[in-house]
Amino acid sequence: GLDAFQAERMMTVLGDLARQGHTVVISVHQPSSRMWRAIDDVVLISEGSVVYSGARLDCLPSFRARGFRCPAQTNPAEFLLDVISV
């Protein structure tokens, strides 16, 4: 795995590639809040089934509509992983 600094550098490089029109697919386990904000689209999978697929910005509102509200000052990625792991 990468430390936080190297992971952030990698996200910068991958973001640059995506802005140039390349498709970038990554698998991230327990991303930091900063890394979460760098992601455009998200696919959340639990027990082999897709739980959410769409824009990162629509992810929390989608879970909120299902009764799962992310507490303030909580890393959204950690919150979502906790919800889908139950």
N, C-alpha and C. Protein backbone atom coordinates (compact mmCIF):
# COMPACT_ATOMS: atom_id res chain seq x y z
N GLY A 1 0.81 -1.19 0.00
CA GLY A 1 0.00 0.00 0.00
C GLY A 1 0.86 1.26 0.00
N LEU A 2 0.24 2.34 -0.31
CA LEU A 2 0.92 3.63 -0.36
C LEU A 2 0.64 4.41 0.92
N ASP A 3 1.62 5.21 1.34
CA ASP A 3 1.35 6.11 2.45
C ASP A 3 0.48 7.25 1.92
N ALA A 4 -0.03 8.08 2.83
CA ALA A 4 -0.98 9.13 2.45
C ALA A 4 -0.39 10.08 1.41
N PHE A 5 0.87 10.46 1.56
CA PHE A 5 1.50 11.39 0.63
C PHE A 5 1.58 10.79 -0.77
N GLN A 6 2.05 9.54 -0.86
CA GLN A 6 2.18 8.89 -2.16
C GLN A 6 0.81 8.64 -2.79
N ALA A 7 -0.19 8.30 -1.97
CA ALA A 7 -1.53 8.09 -2.50
C ALA A 7 -2.08 9.38 -3.08
N GLU A 8 -1.84 10.49 -2.41
CA GLU A 8 -2.31 11.77 -2.92
C GLU A 8 -1.61 12.14 -4.23
N ARG A 9 -0.31 11.89 -4.30
CA ARG A 9 0.42 12.15 -5.55
C ARG A 9 -0.13 11.28 -6.69
N MET A 10 -0.41 10.03 -6.37
CA MET A 10 -0.96 9.13 -7.39
C MET A 10 -2.32 9.63 -7.87
N MET A 11 -3.16 10.10 -6.96
CA MET A 11 -4.48 10.62 -7.34
C MET A 11 -4.34 11.85 -8.23
N THR A 12 -3.33 12.68 -7.99
CA THR A 12 -3.09 13.85 -8.83
C THR A 12 -2.75 13.42 -10.25
N VAL A 13 -1.85 12.45 -10.37
CA VAL A 13 -1.45 11.95 -11.69
C VAL A 13 -2.65 11.32 -12.40
N LEU A 14 -3.41 10.49 -11.68
CA LEU A 14 -4.57 9.85 -12.29
C LEU A 14 -5.64 10.86 -12.68
N GLY A 15 -5.81 11.90 -11.86
CA GLY A 15 -6.75 12.97 -12.19
C GLY A 15 -6.35 13.69 -13.46
N ASP A 16 -5.05 13.94 -13.61
CA ASP A 16 -4.55 14.57 -14.84
C ASP A 16 -4.86 13.70 -16.06
N LEU A 17 -4.65 12.40 -15.93
CA LEU A 17 -4.95 11.49 -17.04
C LEU A 17 -6.44 11.50 -17.38
N ALA A 18 -7.28 11.51 -16.36
CA ALA A 18 -8.73 11.53 -16.59
C ALA A 18 -9.14 12.81 -17.30
N ARG A 19 -8.57 13.94 -16.90
CA ARG A 19 -8.90 15.22 -17.55
C ARG A 19 -8.44 15.26 -19.00
N GLN A 20 -7.46 14.42 -19.35
CA GLN A 20 -6.99 14.33 -20.73
C GLN A 20 -7.86 13.38 -21.56
N GLY A 21 -8.88 12.80 -20.93
CA GLY A 21 -9.80 11.94 -21.66
C GLY A 21 -9.59 10.45 -21.45
N HIS A 22 -8.61 10.07 -20.65
CA HIS A 22 -8.38 8.66 -20.38
C HIS A 22 -9.36 8.15 -19.33
N THR A 23 -9.75 6.91 -19.46
CA THR A 23 -10.57 6.27 -18.44
C THR A 23 -9.65 5.75 -17.35
N VAL A 24 -9.96 6.09 -16.10
CA VAL A 24 -9.15 5.66 -14.97
C VAL A 24 -10.04 4.89 -14.01
N VAL A 25 -9.64 3.68 -13.68
CA VAL A 25 -10.37 2.85 -12.73
C VAL A 25 -9.41 2.51 -11.60
N ILE A 26 -9.85 2.75 -10.37
CA ILE A 26 -9.01 2.43 -9.21
C ILE A 26 -9.83 1.65 -8.19
N SER A 27 -9.15 0.87 -7.41
CA SER A 27 -9.77 0.19 -6.27
C SER A 27 -9.11 0.77 -5.03
N VAL A 28 -9.91 1.38 -4.18
CA VAL A 28 -9.36 2.05 -3.00
C VAL A 28 -10.04 1.48 -1.76
N HIS A 29 -9.25 1.13 -0.80
CA HIS A 29 -9.76 0.64 0.48
C HIS A 29 -9.45 1.68 1.54
N GLN A 30 -10.47 2.17 2.21
CA GLN A 30 -10.35 3.16 3.27
C GLN A 30 -9.65 4.44 2.80
N PRO A 31 -10.21 5.11 1.79
CA PRO A 31 -9.58 6.36 1.33
C PRO A 31 -9.74 7.48 2.35
N SER A 32 -8.79 8.37 2.37
CA SER A 32 -8.89 9.56 3.22
C SER A 32 -10.00 10.46 2.69
N SER A 33 -10.42 11.42 3.50
CA SER A 33 -11.44 12.37 3.04
C SER A 33 -10.96 13.13 1.82
N ARG A 34 -9.70 13.49 1.81
CA ARG A 34 -9.13 14.23 0.67
C ARG A 34 -9.17 13.38 -0.59
N MET A 35 -8.82 12.11 -0.47
CA MET A 35 -8.85 11.23 -1.64
C MET A 35 -10.29 11.04 -2.10
N TRP A 36 -11.22 10.90 -1.16
CA TRP A 36 -12.64 10.75 -1.50
C TRP A 36 -13.11 11.92 -2.36
N ARG A 37 -12.70 13.14 -2.00
CA ARG A 37 -13.12 14.32 -2.76
C ARG A 37 -12.51 14.36 -4.16
N ALA A 38 -11.44 13.63 -4.39
CA ALA A 38 -10.79 13.62 -5.71
C ALA A 38 -11.44 12.64 -6.68
N ILE A 39 -12.36 11.84 -6.19
CA ILE A 39 -13.01 10.81 -7.02
C ILE A 39 -14.28 11.39 -7.65
N ASP A 40 -14.48 11.14 -8.94
CA ASP A 40 -15.67 11.63 -9.64
C ASP A 40 -16.85 10.66 -9.52
N ASP A 41 -16.62 9.41 -9.85
CA ASP A 41 -17.68 8.41 -9.85
C ASP A 41 -17.29 7.25 -8.94
N VAL A 42 -18.29 6.62 -8.35
CA VAL A 42 -18.07 5.59 -7.34
C VAL A 42 -18.90 4.35 -7.66
N VAL A 43 -18.31 3.21 -7.45
CA VAL A 43 -19.05 1.94 -7.46
C VAL A 43 -18.77 1.29 -6.12
N LEU A 44 -19.81 1.08 -5.33
CA LEU A 44 -19.69 0.41 -4.04
C LEU A 44 -20.25 -0.99 -4.18
N ILE A 45 -19.45 -1.98 -3.78
CA ILE A 45 -19.83 -3.38 -3.92
C ILE A 45 -19.80 -4.03 -2.55
N SER A 46 -20.84 -4.79 -2.25
CA SER A 46 -20.90 -5.54 -1.00
C SER A 46 -21.35 -6.95 -1.30
N GLU A 47 -20.60 -7.92 -0.83
CA GLU A 47 -20.91 -9.33 -1.03
C GLU A 47 -21.18 -9.66 -2.49
N GLY A 48 -20.40 -9.05 -3.39
CA GLY A 48 -20.50 -9.33 -4.81
C GLY A 48 -21.59 -8.60 -5.56
N SER A 49 -22.36 -7.77 -4.86
CA SER A 49 -23.45 -7.03 -5.52
C SER A 49 -23.17 -5.52 -5.47
N VAL A 50 -23.54 -4.85 -6.54
CA VAL A 50 -23.38 -3.40 -6.59
C VAL A 50 -24.44 -2.76 -5.69
N VAL A 51 -23.98 -1.97 -4.74
CA VAL A 51 -24.86 -1.28 -3.82
C VAL A 51 -25.13 0.15 -4.30
N TYR A 52 -24.12 0.76 -4.93
CA TYR A 52 -24.27 2.10 -5.48
C TYR A 52 -23.31 2.23 -6.65
N SER A 53 -23.79 2.88 -7.70
CA SER A 53 -22.96 3.20 -8.86
C SER A 53 -23.42 4.55 -9.38
N GLY A 54 -22.53 5.51 -9.35
CA GLY A 54 -22.90 6.84 -9.84
C GLY A 54 -21.91 7.89 -9.39
N ALA A 55 -22.33 9.12 -9.51
CA ALA A 55 -21.48 10.25 -9.15
C ALA A 55 -21.21 10.27 -7.65
N ARG A 56 -19.97 10.59 -7.29
CA ARG A 56 -19.62 10.71 -5.87
C ARG A 56 -20.51 11.73 -5.18
N LEU A 57 -20.79 12.84 -5.86
CA LEU A 57 -21.60 13.90 -5.25
C LEU A 57 -23.03 13.45 -4.96
N ASP A 58 -23.52 12.44 -5.66
CA ASP A 58 -24.88 11.93 -5.43
C ASP A 58 -24.92 10.77 -4.46
N CYS A 59 -23.76 10.27 -4.06
CA CYS A 59 -23.69 9.07 -3.24
C CYS A 59 -24.30 9.28 -1.85
N LEU A 60 -23.83 10.27 -1.10
CA LEU A 60 -24.37 10.50 0.24
C LEU A 60 -25.86 10.85 0.21
N PRO A 61 -26.32 11.71 -0.72
CA PRO A 61 -27.76 11.96 -0.78
C PRO A 61 -28.56 10.69 -1.06
N SER A 62 -28.03 9.80 -1.86
CA SER A 62 -28.71 8.54 -2.16
C SER A 62 -28.85 7.69 -0.89
N PHE A 63 -27.79 7.61 -0.12
CA PHE A 63 -27.84 6.84 1.13
C PHE A 63 -28.72 7.54 2.17
N ARG A 64 -28.69 8.88 2.18
CA ARG A 64 -29.54 9.65 3.10
C ARG A 64 -31.01 9.35 2.81
N ALA A 65 -31.36 9.26 1.53
CA ALA A 65 -32.75 8.96 1.14
C ALA A 65 -33.18 7.57 1.62
N ARG A 66 -32.21 6.70 1.84
CA ARG A 66 -32.51 5.35 2.34
C ARG A 66 -32.42 5.27 3.87
N GLY A 67 -32.22 6.43 4.51
CA GLY A 67 -32.19 6.46 5.97
C GLY A 67 -30.82 6.40 6.59
N PHE A 68 -29.76 6.50 5.80
CA PHE A 68 -28.39 6.45 6.31
C PHE A 68 -27.76 7.83 6.19
N ARG A 69 -27.71 8.57 7.28
CA ARG A 69 -27.19 9.94 7.29
C ARG A 69 -25.75 9.94 7.81
N CYS A 70 -24.85 10.48 7.02
CA CYS A 70 -23.44 10.57 7.40
C CYS A 70 -23.28 11.66 8.47
N PRO A 71 -22.78 11.30 9.65
CA PRO A 71 -22.59 12.31 10.70
C PRO A 71 -21.57 13.38 10.29
N ALA A 72 -21.75 14.56 10.82
CA ALA A 72 -20.80 15.66 10.57
C ALA A 72 -19.41 15.23 11.04
N GLN A 73 -18.41 15.74 10.39
CA GLN A 73 -17.01 15.48 10.73
C GLN A 73 -16.62 14.01 10.57
N THR A 74 -17.35 13.28 9.73
CA THR A 74 -17.05 11.87 9.47
C THR A 74 -16.58 11.72 8.03
N ASN A 75 -15.53 10.94 7.84
CA ASN A 75 -15.04 10.66 6.50
C ASN A 75 -16.15 9.90 5.75
N PRO A 76 -16.67 10.49 4.67
CA PRO A 76 -17.77 9.83 3.94
C PRO A 76 -17.43 8.42 3.49
N ALA A 77 -16.19 8.19 3.08
CA ALA A 77 -15.80 6.85 2.62
C ALA A 77 -15.89 5.85 3.76
N GLU A 78 -15.41 6.22 4.95
CA GLU A 78 -15.50 5.33 6.10
C GLU A 78 -16.96 5.04 6.45
N PHE A 79 -17.78 6.09 6.44
CA PHE A 79 -19.20 5.94 6.74
C PHE A 79 -19.85 4.95 5.76
N LEU A 80 -19.61 5.15 4.48
CA LEU A 80 -20.22 4.28 3.47
C LEU A 80 -19.75 2.84 3.59
N LEU A 81 -18.46 2.66 3.86
CA LEU A 81 -17.95 1.31 4.03
C LEU A 81 -18.57 0.63 5.24
N ASP A 82 -18.78 1.40 6.31
CA ASP A 82 -19.45 0.84 7.49
C ASP A 82 -20.89 0.44 7.15
N VAL A 83 -21.59 1.28 6.41
CA VAL A 83 -22.99 1.00 6.07
C VAL A 83 -23.11 -0.24 5.21
N ILE A 84 -22.28 -0.36 4.19
CA ILE A 84 -22.42 -1.50 3.27
C ILE A 84 -21.82 -2.79 3.81
N SER A 85 -21.07 -2.69 4.90
CA SER A 85 -20.46 -3.88 5.49
C SER A 85 -21.37 -4.57 6.49
N VAL A 86 -22.49 -3.97 6.82
CA VAL A 86 -23.39 -4.54 7.83
C VAL A 86 -24.23 -5.64 7.22
